N, C-alpha and C. Protein backbone atom coordinates (compact mmCIF):
# COMPACT_ATOMS: atom_id res chain seq x y z
N UNK A 1 35.59 8.03 26.18
CA UNK A 1 35.11 9.23 25.73
C UNK A 1 35.63 10.35 26.71
N UNK A 2 36.21 11.19 26.28
CA UNK A 2 36.74 12.34 27.19
C UNK A 2 36.04 13.53 26.93
N UNK A 3 35.33 14.31 28.10
CA UNK A 3 34.39 15.33 27.82
C UNK A 3 35.12 16.62 28.55
N UNK A 4 35.03 17.72 28.01
CA UNK A 4 35.16 19.04 28.71
C UNK A 4 34.00 19.69 29.05
N UNK A 5 34.05 19.90 30.37
CA UNK A 5 32.92 20.71 30.94
C UNK A 5 33.39 22.24 31.03
N UNK A 6 32.58 23.12 30.52
CA UNK A 6 33.23 24.51 30.33
C UNK A 6 32.85 25.26 31.40
N UNK A 7 33.52 25.98 32.04
CA UNK A 7 33.15 26.77 33.07
C UNK A 7 33.31 28.30 33.04
N UNK A 8 31.98 28.93 33.04
CA UNK A 8 32.13 30.32 32.92
C UNK A 8 31.96 30.97 34.21
N UNK A 9 32.31 32.23 34.65
CA UNK A 9 31.98 32.85 35.87
C UNK A 9 30.52 32.89 35.87
N UNK A 10 29.98 32.13 37.01
CA UNK A 10 28.50 32.25 37.20
C UNK A 10 27.94 30.71 36.89
N UNK A 11 28.83 29.80 36.48
CA UNK A 11 28.39 28.58 36.10
C UNK A 11 27.92 27.92 37.43
N UNK A 12 26.78 27.08 37.65
CA UNK A 12 26.58 26.58 39.11
C UNK A 12 26.10 25.05 38.73
N UNK A 13 26.12 24.65 37.34
CA UNK A 13 25.71 23.29 37.05
C UNK A 13 26.78 22.40 36.44
N UNK A 14 28.11 22.93 36.54
CA UNK A 14 29.39 22.45 36.01
C UNK A 14 29.60 21.11 37.09
N UNK A 15 29.22 21.27 38.21
CA UNK A 15 29.68 20.13 39.20
C UNK A 15 28.57 18.94 38.86
N UNK A 16 27.47 19.19 38.41
CA UNK A 16 26.38 18.07 37.98
C UNK A 16 26.83 17.51 36.69
N UNK A 17 27.22 18.45 35.90
CA UNK A 17 27.52 17.92 34.54
C UNK A 17 28.68 16.95 34.63
N UNK A 18 29.74 17.22 35.45
CA UNK A 18 30.89 16.74 35.62
C UNK A 18 30.67 15.20 36.34
N UNK A 19 29.67 15.21 37.29
CA UNK A 19 29.14 14.13 38.12
C UNK A 19 28.70 13.01 37.12
N UNK A 20 27.72 13.41 36.18
CA UNK A 20 26.97 12.75 35.39
C UNK A 20 27.94 11.92 34.57
N UNK A 21 28.83 12.47 33.92
CA UNK A 21 29.94 11.94 32.97
C UNK A 21 30.95 11.13 33.48
N UNK A 22 31.40 11.62 34.59
CA UNK A 22 32.60 11.05 35.24
C UNK A 22 32.18 10.01 36.44
N UNK A 23 31.38 10.40 37.30
CA UNK A 23 31.03 9.37 38.39
C UNK A 23 30.00 8.51 38.01
N UNK A 24 29.09 8.76 37.26
CA UNK A 24 27.88 7.97 36.99
C UNK A 24 28.29 7.03 35.65
N UNK A 25 28.92 7.49 34.56
CA UNK A 25 29.23 7.01 33.37
C UNK A 25 30.67 6.23 33.53
N UNK A 26 31.48 6.95 34.00
CA UNK A 26 32.70 6.37 34.29
C UNK A 26 33.54 6.91 33.24
N UNK A 27 33.21 7.89 32.52
CA UNK A 27 34.02 8.54 31.32
C UNK A 27 35.10 9.67 32.00
N UNK A 28 35.85 9.82 31.09
CA UNK A 28 36.99 10.91 31.38
C UNK A 28 36.33 12.25 31.39
N UNK A 29 36.67 13.21 32.18
CA UNK A 29 36.19 14.67 31.98
C UNK A 29 36.94 15.53 32.78
N UNK A 30 37.19 16.72 32.38
CA UNK A 30 37.87 17.77 32.96
C UNK A 30 37.04 18.98 33.06
N UNK A 31 37.30 20.03 34.13
CA UNK A 31 36.65 21.27 33.77
C UNK A 31 37.76 22.16 32.90
N UNK A 32 36.96 22.89 31.99
CA UNK A 32 37.84 23.70 31.28
C UNK A 32 37.45 25.26 31.18
N UNK A 33 38.38 26.02 31.92
CA UNK A 33 37.91 27.28 32.27
C UNK A 33 37.63 28.12 31.18
N UNK A 34 37.01 29.20 31.04
CA UNK A 34 36.42 29.95 30.02
C UNK A 34 37.57 30.69 29.45
N UNK A 35 38.83 31.00 30.16
CA UNK A 35 39.71 31.52 29.64
C UNK A 35 40.90 30.68 28.69
N UNK A 36 40.62 29.48 28.66
CA UNK A 36 41.36 28.51 27.86
C UNK A 36 41.09 28.67 26.39
N UNK A 37 42.20 28.34 25.58
CA UNK A 37 41.83 28.62 24.17
C UNK A 37 42.13 27.24 23.36
N UNK A 38 42.06 25.92 24.14
CA UNK A 38 42.33 24.71 23.09
C UNK A 38 41.48 23.74 23.92
N UNK A 39 40.96 22.97 22.90
CA UNK A 39 40.10 21.67 23.44
C UNK A 39 40.82 20.64 22.52
N UNK A 40 41.98 20.54 22.52
CA UNK A 40 42.69 19.41 21.94
C UNK A 40 42.54 18.18 23.05
N UNK A 41 42.24 16.95 22.57
CA UNK A 41 42.17 15.77 23.35
C UNK A 41 40.95 15.50 24.06
N UNK A 42 39.90 16.54 23.56
CA UNK A 42 38.49 16.26 23.88
C UNK A 42 37.77 15.64 22.97
N UNK A 43 36.75 14.71 23.27
CA UNK A 43 35.89 14.09 22.36
C UNK A 43 34.52 14.80 22.47
N UNK A 44 34.16 15.56 23.48
CA UNK A 44 32.62 16.00 23.58
C UNK A 44 33.02 17.31 24.50
N UNK A 45 32.07 18.09 24.20
CA UNK A 45 32.06 19.33 24.84
C UNK A 45 30.59 19.57 25.69
N UNK A 46 30.63 19.80 27.10
CA UNK A 46 29.46 20.24 27.75
C UNK A 46 29.52 21.69 28.42
N UNK A 47 28.41 22.21 27.76
CA UNK A 47 28.15 23.88 28.29
C UNK A 47 26.88 23.61 29.51
N UNK A 48 27.29 24.00 30.63
CA UNK A 48 26.46 23.59 31.73
C UNK A 48 25.60 25.03 32.16
N UNK A 49 24.77 24.55 32.65
CA UNK A 49 23.67 25.61 33.30
C UNK A 49 24.22 26.58 34.37
N UNK A 50 23.63 27.60 34.78
CA UNK A 50 24.09 28.62 35.70
C UNK A 50 23.54 30.04 35.17
N UNK A 51 24.64 30.97 35.52
CA UNK A 51 24.15 32.37 35.34
C UNK A 51 25.55 32.94 34.78
N UNK A 52 25.92 32.60 33.73
CA UNK A 52 27.20 33.11 33.38
C UNK A 52 27.39 34.64 33.07
N UNK A 53 28.35 35.15 33.71
CA UNK A 53 28.54 36.54 33.82
C UNK A 53 27.38 37.36 34.41
N UNK A 54 26.56 36.67 35.34
CA UNK A 54 25.70 37.13 36.07
C UNK A 54 24.14 37.37 35.14
N UNK A 55 24.23 36.69 33.84
CA UNK A 55 23.11 37.09 32.89
C UNK A 55 23.00 38.43 32.55
N UNK A 56 23.98 39.10 32.60
CA UNK A 56 23.94 40.55 32.30
C UNK A 56 23.65 40.73 30.72
N UNK A 57 23.23 41.87 30.35
CA UNK A 57 22.76 42.18 28.95
C UNK A 57 21.56 41.29 28.63
N UNK A 58 22.00 39.94 28.35
CA UNK A 58 21.08 38.98 28.22
C UNK A 58 21.80 37.55 28.47
N UNK A 59 20.96 36.47 28.75
CA UNK A 59 21.64 35.40 29.11
C UNK A 59 22.33 34.86 28.09
N UNK A 60 23.73 34.46 28.49
CA UNK A 60 24.67 33.87 27.41
C UNK A 60 25.14 35.04 26.57
N UNK A 61 24.91 36.14 26.69
CA UNK A 61 25.19 37.35 25.77
C UNK A 61 26.72 37.55 25.88
N UNK A 62 27.27 37.73 27.15
CA UNK A 62 28.69 38.04 27.33
C UNK A 62 29.51 36.65 27.15
N UNK A 63 28.74 35.59 27.78
CA UNK A 63 29.73 34.34 27.71
C UNK A 63 30.25 33.96 26.15
N UNK A 64 29.57 34.42 25.34
CA UNK A 64 29.65 33.88 23.82
C UNK A 64 31.19 34.48 23.38
N UNK A 65 31.59 35.83 24.05
CA UNK A 65 32.92 36.37 23.99
C UNK A 65 33.95 35.72 24.67
N UNK A 66 33.65 34.82 25.47
CA UNK A 66 34.89 34.18 26.16
C UNK A 66 35.76 33.48 25.32
N UNK A 67 37.14 33.44 25.61
CA UNK A 67 38.11 32.79 24.64
C UNK A 67 37.86 31.53 24.38
N UNK A 68 37.24 30.61 24.94
CA UNK A 68 37.13 29.30 24.85
C UNK A 68 35.96 29.12 23.84
N UNK A 69 35.11 30.05 23.67
CA UNK A 69 34.03 29.98 22.43
C UNK A 69 34.50 30.08 21.05
N UNK A 70 35.53 30.45 20.78
CA UNK A 70 36.11 30.43 19.52
C UNK A 70 36.54 28.83 19.28
N UNK A 71 37.00 28.27 20.23
CA UNK A 71 37.57 26.80 20.15
C UNK A 71 36.20 25.94 20.23
N UNK A 72 35.21 26.23 21.05
CA UNK A 72 33.92 25.41 20.84
C UNK A 72 33.46 25.55 19.65
N UNK A 73 33.26 26.74 18.72
CA UNK A 73 32.97 26.97 17.54
C UNK A 73 33.40 26.09 16.56
N UNK A 74 34.96 26.00 16.57
CA UNK A 74 35.58 25.20 15.65
C UNK A 74 35.47 23.78 15.94
N UNK A 75 35.13 23.36 17.39
CA UNK A 75 34.84 22.23 17.48
C UNK A 75 33.58 21.54 17.05
N UNK A 76 32.48 22.48 16.93
CA UNK A 76 31.27 22.29 16.39
C UNK A 76 31.43 21.93 15.06
N UNK A 77 32.23 22.92 14.21
CA UNK A 77 32.19 22.99 12.78
C UNK A 77 32.91 21.76 12.26
N UNK A 78 33.75 21.07 13.09
CA UNK A 78 34.30 19.66 12.69
C UNK A 78 33.49 18.49 12.90
N UNK A 79 32.25 18.73 13.40
CA UNK A 79 31.29 17.72 13.75
C UNK A 79 31.46 16.95 14.97
N UNK A 80 32.00 17.49 15.78
CA UNK A 80 32.09 16.85 17.21
C UNK A 80 30.88 17.30 17.78
N UNK A 81 30.66 16.53 19.01
CA UNK A 81 29.43 16.61 19.86
C UNK A 81 29.50 17.69 20.62
N UNK A 82 28.60 18.79 20.68
CA UNK A 82 28.59 19.93 21.84
C UNK A 82 27.15 19.90 22.43
N UNK A 83 27.08 19.88 23.80
CA UNK A 83 25.51 19.70 24.42
C UNK A 83 25.78 21.17 25.32
N UNK A 84 24.76 22.08 25.02
CA UNK A 84 24.36 23.17 26.07
C UNK A 84 23.34 23.05 26.74
N UNK A 85 23.14 22.90 27.88
CA UNK A 85 22.03 22.92 28.75
C UNK A 85 21.63 24.15 29.51
N UNK A 86 20.40 24.51 29.51
CA UNK A 86 19.93 25.67 30.32
C UNK A 86 20.79 27.09 29.84
N UNK A 87 21.43 27.36 30.71
CA UNK A 87 22.40 28.69 30.21
C UNK A 87 23.37 28.30 29.18
N UNK A 88 23.77 26.94 29.23
CA UNK A 88 24.54 26.52 28.15
C UNK A 88 23.77 26.50 26.85
N UNK A 89 22.58 26.45 26.53
CA UNK A 89 21.77 26.40 25.62
C UNK A 89 21.71 27.84 25.23
N UNK A 90 21.46 28.76 26.05
CA UNK A 90 21.43 30.49 25.81
C UNK A 90 22.72 30.76 25.13
N UNK A 91 24.04 30.10 25.62
CA UNK A 91 25.14 30.74 25.04
C UNK A 91 25.21 30.06 23.71
N UNK A 92 24.78 28.99 23.32
CA UNK A 92 24.83 28.38 22.15
C UNK A 92 24.10 29.27 21.02
N UNK A 93 22.88 29.61 21.40
CA UNK A 93 22.15 30.62 20.70
C UNK A 93 22.81 31.89 20.61
N UNK A 94 23.30 32.57 21.54
CA UNK A 94 23.99 33.76 21.47
C UNK A 94 25.02 33.84 20.60
N UNK A 95 25.68 32.44 20.59
CA UNK A 95 26.98 32.31 19.76
C UNK A 95 26.71 31.93 18.33
N UNK A 96 25.41 31.75 17.93
CA UNK A 96 25.20 31.72 16.71
C UNK A 96 25.29 29.96 16.18
N UNK A 97 25.48 29.22 17.17
CA UNK A 97 25.50 27.69 16.96
C UNK A 97 24.21 27.20 16.63
N UNK A 98 23.27 27.84 17.28
CA UNK A 98 21.72 27.37 17.21
C UNK A 98 21.02 28.33 16.88
N UNK A 99 19.88 28.19 16.06
CA UNK A 99 18.98 29.21 15.73
C UNK A 99 17.70 29.58 16.91
N UNK A 100 17.29 31.05 16.70
CA UNK A 100 16.40 31.30 17.87
C UNK A 100 16.70 32.12 18.86
N UNK A 101 15.89 32.29 20.02
CA UNK A 101 16.23 32.97 21.06
C UNK A 101 15.55 32.30 22.33
N UNK A 102 16.19 32.64 23.29
CA UNK A 102 15.51 32.19 24.61
C UNK A 102 14.96 33.51 25.24
N UNK A 103 13.76 33.67 25.57
CA UNK A 103 13.29 34.82 26.29
C UNK A 103 12.69 34.62 27.67
N UNK A 104 12.19 35.47 28.23
CA UNK A 104 11.67 35.30 29.56
C UNK A 104 10.27 34.28 29.57
N UNK A 105 10.28 33.77 30.65
CA UNK A 105 9.02 32.58 30.62
C UNK A 105 7.64 33.37 30.71
N UNK A 106 6.91 32.70 29.80
CA UNK A 106 5.44 33.39 29.60
C UNK A 106 4.91 33.87 30.84
N UNK A 107 4.89 33.31 32.03
CA UNK A 107 4.47 34.04 33.09
C UNK A 107 5.42 34.70 34.08
N UNK A 108 6.40 35.01 33.40
CA UNK A 108 7.56 36.02 34.01
C UNK A 108 8.05 35.60 35.37
N UNK A 109 7.92 34.12 35.45
CA UNK A 109 8.54 33.52 36.68
C UNK A 109 9.65 32.45 36.60
N UNK A 110 10.59 32.28 37.54
CA UNK A 110 11.36 31.30 37.66
C UNK A 110 10.69 30.03 37.72
N UNK A 111 10.99 28.98 37.20
CA UNK A 111 10.38 27.65 37.13
C UNK A 111 11.23 26.49 37.62
N UNK A 112 11.18 25.78 38.50
CA UNK A 112 11.83 24.90 38.96
C UNK A 112 11.02 23.63 39.37
N UNK A 113 11.28 22.64 38.43
CA UNK A 113 10.22 21.37 38.80
C UNK A 113 10.58 20.29 37.51
N UNK A 114 10.11 19.09 37.71
CA UNK A 114 10.38 18.20 37.11
C UNK A 114 8.98 18.29 35.98
N UNK A 115 9.54 17.99 34.58
CA UNK A 115 8.47 18.17 33.42
C UNK A 115 8.80 16.72 32.71
N UNK A 116 7.59 16.57 31.77
CA UNK A 116 7.56 15.43 31.01
C UNK A 116 7.93 15.96 29.36
N UNK A 117 8.94 15.25 28.94
CA UNK A 117 9.34 15.44 27.50
C UNK A 117 9.08 14.50 26.69
N UNK A 118 8.74 14.94 25.41
CA UNK A 118 8.63 13.76 24.45
C UNK A 118 9.93 13.66 23.34
N UNK A 119 10.34 12.55 23.20
CA UNK A 119 11.70 12.47 22.27
C UNK A 119 11.05 12.54 20.84
N UNK A 120 11.61 13.62 20.22
CA UNK A 120 11.05 13.97 18.93
C UNK A 120 11.93 13.06 17.79
N UNK A 121 13.07 12.68 18.14
CA UNK A 121 13.99 12.01 17.05
C UNK A 121 14.99 11.35 17.97
N UNK A 122 15.28 10.01 17.61
CA UNK A 122 16.07 9.28 18.17
C UNK A 122 17.47 8.62 17.27
N UNK A 123 17.58 9.59 16.26
CA UNK A 123 18.49 9.56 15.01
C UNK A 123 19.75 10.66 15.25
N UNK A 124 19.91 11.08 16.65
CA UNK A 124 21.00 11.89 16.66
C UNK A 124 22.02 11.29 17.76
N UNK A 125 23.08 11.90 17.77
CA UNK A 125 24.28 11.30 18.75
C UNK A 125 23.82 11.51 20.17
N UNK A 126 22.83 12.19 20.33
CA UNK A 126 22.21 12.75 21.72
C UNK A 126 21.16 11.88 22.16
N UNK A 127 20.50 11.12 21.16
CA UNK A 127 19.06 10.60 21.53
C UNK A 127 19.07 9.06 21.00
N UNK A 128 20.17 8.39 20.54
CA UNK A 128 19.92 7.16 20.03
C UNK A 128 19.73 6.10 21.07
N UNK A 129 19.68 6.44 22.40
CA UNK A 129 19.55 5.57 23.24
C UNK A 129 18.00 5.61 23.73
N UNK A 130 17.26 6.57 23.31
CA UNK A 130 15.74 6.66 23.45
C UNK A 130 15.10 5.87 22.51
N UNK A 131 13.59 5.95 22.71
CA UNK A 131 12.81 5.35 21.88
C UNK A 131 12.05 6.46 21.10
N UNK A 132 11.75 6.56 19.88
CA UNK A 132 11.19 7.57 19.25
C UNK A 132 9.60 7.67 19.95
N UNK A 133 9.38 8.95 20.27
CA UNK A 133 7.91 9.10 20.81
C UNK A 133 8.02 9.01 22.12
N UNK A 134 8.99 8.44 22.84
CA UNK A 134 9.18 8.04 24.39
C UNK A 134 8.87 9.39 24.96
N UNK A 135 8.16 9.31 26.16
CA UNK A 135 8.08 10.44 27.10
C UNK A 135 8.90 9.96 28.49
N UNK A 136 9.69 11.13 28.76
CA UNK A 136 10.77 11.00 29.93
C UNK A 136 10.33 12.12 30.90
N UNK A 137 11.10 12.22 31.94
CA UNK A 137 10.89 13.02 33.12
C UNK A 137 12.30 13.61 33.43
N UNK A 138 12.28 14.89 33.08
CA UNK A 138 13.57 15.67 33.27
C UNK A 138 13.28 17.15 34.13
N UNK A 139 14.15 17.29 34.95
CA UNK A 139 13.72 18.79 35.61
C UNK A 139 14.28 19.92 34.77
N UNK A 140 13.42 21.22 35.19
CA UNK A 140 13.73 22.50 34.65
C UNK A 140 14.08 23.22 35.74
N UNK A 141 14.83 24.44 35.48
CA UNK A 141 15.11 25.47 36.51
C UNK A 141 15.84 26.70 35.80
N UNK A 142 14.47 27.41 35.25
CA UNK A 142 15.04 28.60 34.48
C UNK A 142 14.11 29.77 34.64
N UNK A 143 14.35 30.83 34.36
CA UNK A 143 13.46 31.99 34.07
C UNK A 143 13.38 32.62 32.68
N UNK A 144 14.42 32.07 31.64
CA UNK A 144 14.38 32.61 30.64
C UNK A 144 14.47 31.48 29.55
N UNK A 145 13.53 30.45 29.50
CA UNK A 145 13.52 29.24 28.84
C UNK A 145 12.58 29.21 27.74
N UNK A 146 11.91 30.30 27.50
CA UNK A 146 10.77 30.49 26.31
C UNK A 146 11.62 30.66 25.08
N UNK A 147 11.55 29.19 24.50
CA UNK A 147 12.33 29.30 22.93
C UNK A 147 11.36 30.07 21.95
N UNK A 148 11.93 30.81 21.02
CA UNK A 148 11.20 31.44 19.91
C UNK A 148 12.05 31.61 18.88
N UNK A 149 11.30 31.26 17.78
CA UNK A 149 12.05 31.32 16.36
C UNK A 149 10.83 32.06 15.37
N UNK A 150 11.18 32.36 14.35
CA UNK A 150 10.16 32.79 13.38
C UNK A 150 9.70 31.65 12.63
N UNK A 151 8.51 31.74 11.84
CA UNK A 151 7.74 30.56 11.09
C UNK A 151 8.80 30.03 10.14
N UNK A 152 9.68 30.84 9.51
CA UNK A 152 10.37 30.21 8.42
C UNK A 152 11.54 29.27 9.11
N UNK A 153 11.97 29.78 10.24
CA UNK A 153 13.05 29.03 11.00
C UNK A 153 12.35 27.71 11.68
N UNK A 154 11.25 27.97 12.12
CA UNK A 154 10.50 26.71 12.68
C UNK A 154 10.08 25.60 11.72
N UNK A 155 9.81 25.94 10.33
CA UNK A 155 9.54 25.08 9.39
C UNK A 155 10.88 24.42 9.04
N UNK A 156 11.90 25.05 9.18
CA UNK A 156 13.23 24.67 8.71
C UNK A 156 13.56 23.48 9.80
N UNK A 157 13.47 23.88 11.10
CA UNK A 157 13.59 22.93 12.13
C UNK A 157 12.81 21.58 12.10
N UNK A 158 11.65 21.67 11.67
CA UNK A 158 10.71 20.58 11.60
C UNK A 158 11.10 19.74 10.44
N UNK A 159 11.66 20.56 9.17
CA UNK A 159 11.77 19.59 7.97
C UNK A 159 13.17 18.82 8.15
N UNK A 160 14.17 19.53 8.87
CA UNK A 160 15.36 18.75 9.21
C UNK A 160 15.48 17.90 10.18
N UNK A 161 14.37 17.64 10.96
CA UNK A 161 14.47 16.90 12.15
C UNK A 161 15.12 17.34 13.30
N UNK A 162 15.50 18.80 13.56
CA UNK A 162 16.35 19.42 14.38
C UNK A 162 15.47 19.42 15.56
N UNK A 163 14.24 19.08 15.79
CA UNK A 163 13.67 19.45 17.06
C UNK A 163 13.74 17.99 18.00
N UNK A 164 14.52 18.10 19.03
CA UNK A 164 14.96 16.91 19.62
C UNK A 164 13.98 16.54 20.86
N UNK A 165 13.59 17.30 21.49
CA UNK A 165 12.74 17.04 22.51
C UNK A 165 11.57 18.32 22.78
N UNK A 166 10.32 17.95 22.88
CA UNK A 166 9.32 18.96 23.15
C UNK A 166 8.59 18.57 24.58
N UNK A 167 7.98 19.53 25.08
CA UNK A 167 7.22 19.50 26.29
C UNK A 167 5.81 18.96 25.98
N UNK A 168 5.48 17.95 26.82
CA UNK A 168 4.21 17.69 26.70
C UNK A 168 2.94 18.70 27.42
N UNK A 169 3.43 19.37 28.41
CA UNK A 169 2.74 20.31 29.05
C UNK A 169 3.53 21.56 29.29
N UNK A 170 3.51 22.35 28.13
CA UNK A 170 4.43 23.66 27.82
C UNK A 170 4.51 24.49 29.19
N UNK A 171 5.72 24.46 30.07
CA UNK A 171 5.75 25.18 31.20
C UNK A 171 6.08 26.87 30.98
N UNK A 172 6.59 27.07 29.72
CA UNK A 172 7.42 28.33 29.53
C UNK A 172 6.85 29.04 28.51
N UNK A 173 6.13 28.57 27.58
CA UNK A 173 5.55 29.43 26.46
C UNK A 173 6.42 29.12 25.11
N UNK A 174 7.14 28.48 25.10
CA UNK A 174 8.14 27.93 23.85
C UNK A 174 7.42 27.67 22.71
N UNK A 175 7.75 28.29 21.57
CA UNK A 175 6.90 27.89 20.53
C UNK A 175 6.83 26.62 19.97
N UNK A 176 5.91 26.06 19.70
CA UNK A 176 5.79 24.66 19.23
C UNK A 176 6.28 23.62 20.38
N UNK A 177 6.07 24.06 21.47
CA UNK A 177 6.45 23.13 22.71
C UNK A 177 7.96 22.84 22.71
N UNK A 178 8.79 23.43 22.02
CA UNK A 178 10.26 23.31 21.99
C UNK A 178 10.98 23.24 23.24
N UNK A 179 11.61 22.02 23.62
CA UNK A 179 12.47 21.94 24.93
C UNK A 179 13.90 21.77 24.42
N UNK A 180 14.21 21.19 23.11
CA UNK A 180 15.74 21.22 22.83
C UNK A 180 15.69 21.08 21.41
N UNK A 181 16.81 21.70 20.75
CA UNK A 181 17.05 21.50 19.34
C UNK A 181 18.47 21.21 18.90
N UNK A 182 18.64 20.88 17.87
CA UNK A 182 19.96 20.53 17.38
C UNK A 182 20.37 21.45 16.13
N UNK A 183 21.45 21.77 15.84
CA UNK A 183 21.97 22.41 14.56
C UNK A 183 21.43 21.51 13.32
N UNK A 184 21.82 21.90 11.96
CA UNK A 184 21.58 21.10 10.94
C UNK A 184 22.37 19.74 10.95
N UNK A 185 23.50 19.80 11.43
CA UNK A 185 24.46 18.67 11.16
C UNK A 185 24.01 17.76 12.09
N UNK A 186 23.44 18.10 13.57
CA UNK A 186 22.99 17.29 14.53
C UNK A 186 23.95 16.96 15.40
N UNK A 187 25.10 17.66 15.48
CA UNK A 187 26.27 17.56 16.54
C UNK A 187 26.05 18.26 17.66
N UNK A 188 25.38 19.74 17.43
CA UNK A 188 24.96 20.46 18.48
C UNK A 188 23.64 20.39 19.25
N UNK A 189 23.38 20.11 20.26
CA UNK A 189 22.33 20.05 20.97
C UNK A 189 22.15 21.30 21.89
N UNK A 190 21.18 22.07 22.04
CA UNK A 190 20.56 22.96 23.12
C UNK A 190 19.45 22.57 23.76
N UNK A 191 19.26 22.44 25.06
CA UNK A 191 17.95 22.18 25.69
C UNK A 191 17.83 22.95 27.09
N UNK A 192 16.70 23.42 27.27
CA UNK A 192 16.57 24.12 28.77
C UNK A 192 16.45 22.86 29.91
N UNK A 193 15.75 21.86 29.83
CA UNK A 193 15.66 20.94 30.78
C UNK A 193 16.96 20.37 31.03
N UNK A 194 17.38 19.80 32.40
CA UNK A 194 18.60 19.28 32.95
C UNK A 194 18.83 17.68 32.87
N UNK A 195 19.45 17.15 31.94
CA UNK A 195 19.54 15.84 31.85
C UNK A 195 20.33 15.33 32.85
N UNK A 196 21.46 16.27 33.23
CA UNK A 196 22.62 15.72 34.17
C UNK A 196 21.93 15.67 35.65
N UNK A 197 20.90 16.40 35.90
CA UNK A 197 20.25 16.21 37.17
C UNK A 197 19.03 14.95 37.32
N UNK A 198 19.14 14.28 35.90
CA UNK A 198 18.41 13.03 36.00
C UNK A 198 19.02 11.78 35.56
N UNK A 199 20.13 11.57 36.47
CA UNK A 199 21.12 10.34 36.03
C UNK A 199 21.17 9.33 37.19
N UNK A 200 20.57 9.58 38.38
CA UNK A 200 20.26 8.64 39.41
C UNK A 200 19.17 8.40 40.04
N UNK A 201 18.48 7.26 40.52
CA UNK A 201 17.27 7.08 40.88
C UNK A 201 17.28 7.91 42.38
N UNK A 202 18.35 7.72 42.94
CA UNK A 202 18.55 8.52 44.30
C UNK A 202 17.96 9.81 44.21
N UNK A 203 18.22 10.48 43.25
CA UNK A 203 18.00 11.89 42.88
C UNK A 203 16.56 12.10 42.18
N UNK A 204 15.70 11.09 41.99
CA UNK A 204 14.46 11.27 41.34
C UNK A 204 14.24 10.61 40.11
N UNK A 205 15.24 10.11 39.63
CA UNK A 205 14.97 9.47 38.32
C UNK A 205 16.35 9.27 37.41
N UNK A 206 16.32 8.64 36.27
CA UNK A 206 17.48 8.27 35.53
C UNK A 206 17.13 8.60 34.08
N UNK A 207 16.24 9.12 33.70
CA UNK A 207 15.85 9.33 32.12
C UNK A 207 16.69 10.21 31.61
N UNK A 208 17.69 11.21 32.24
CA UNK A 208 18.36 11.96 31.57
C UNK A 208 19.87 11.29 31.16
N UNK A 209 20.03 10.28 31.80
CA UNK A 209 21.12 9.52 31.82
C UNK A 209 21.37 9.04 30.27
N UNK A 210 20.22 8.36 29.79
CA UNK A 210 20.50 7.91 28.38
C UNK A 210 20.89 9.08 27.41
N UNK A 211 20.54 10.21 27.52
CA UNK A 211 21.17 11.45 26.74
C UNK A 211 22.83 11.11 26.59
N UNK A 212 23.48 11.08 27.83
CA UNK A 212 24.91 10.92 27.81
C UNK A 212 25.31 9.60 27.47
N UNK A 213 24.53 8.37 27.59
CA UNK A 213 24.97 7.16 27.17
C UNK A 213 24.84 7.18 25.57
N UNK A 214 24.04 7.97 25.28
CA UNK A 214 23.70 7.97 23.72
C UNK A 214 25.14 8.61 23.14
N UNK A 215 25.50 9.44 23.77
CA UNK A 215 26.80 10.33 23.22
C UNK A 215 27.91 9.38 23.50
N UNK A 216 27.85 8.71 24.63
CA UNK A 216 29.17 7.70 24.57
C UNK A 216 29.07 6.57 23.38
N UNK A 217 27.83 6.01 23.20
CA UNK A 217 27.54 5.16 22.20
C UNK A 217 28.15 5.51 20.91
N UNK A 218 27.71 6.85 20.48
CA UNK A 218 28.04 7.45 19.27
C UNK A 218 29.54 7.49 19.32
N UNK A 219 30.27 7.97 20.44
CA UNK A 219 31.74 8.14 20.35
C UNK A 219 32.40 6.83 20.26
N UNK A 220 31.80 5.67 20.61
CA UNK A 220 32.52 4.36 20.62
C UNK A 220 32.46 3.74 19.09
N UNK A 221 31.36 4.26 18.48
CA UNK A 221 31.39 3.91 17.01
C UNK A 221 32.24 4.79 15.93
N UNK A 222 32.78 5.84 16.34
CA UNK A 222 33.43 6.83 15.66
C UNK A 222 35.05 7.02 16.33
N UNK A 223 35.57 7.05 15.22
CA UNK A 223 37.29 7.02 15.75
C UNK A 223 37.44 8.64 16.19
N UNK A 224 38.36 8.60 17.10
CA UNK A 224 38.58 9.76 17.94
C UNK A 224 39.04 10.78 16.91
N UNK A 225 38.75 12.10 17.24
CA UNK A 225 39.15 13.23 16.44
C UNK A 225 40.66 13.62 16.83
N UNK A 226 41.06 13.11 17.84
CA UNK A 226 42.40 13.62 18.34
C UNK A 226 43.67 12.61 18.38
């Protein structure tokens, strides 16, 4: 499986994302800069964390207008896997690929620690390597990770099984303890915790690794799009 790691001005977790899929999983990966206009030849797209465009206006608000995002939208519309982590989640929300908003943390403080997540579904291309209801340890590092949506949207997320991960001890005030959601089709996942920082025991744990192996397993079961 060949991954495109999108790089915006201000991205700082692109190396972590690349390392997770290239060095740990042994899959193909390239850095693809925000100015590019094609994702031809790629099987999956990864939007990393960081502070794209300095987080000016709102986190992800400027990055959504980058040239590469039109191609990311097309990629997603074709049913291909798109993962956005932390700032990448914020970009996906701003681009309209996922519902809701990410607001300042409840206590108005940047948080950097390992948290426990509950796997709410293992029927997506991102979670098929987990057990339903399993709890995993994944780090967070954000100041604007407080996920919010209205009641109607929350009910839709629940009905469609779009809530992928929840916090067992909500660190930021997110509605319904939401840590990660997918789109209706299930091929776009946005999450605030960093699975790419939990792929090696040496770095404190490997629970995030199975998110990427889930993507690869899904990819091997489906013919390439290119």
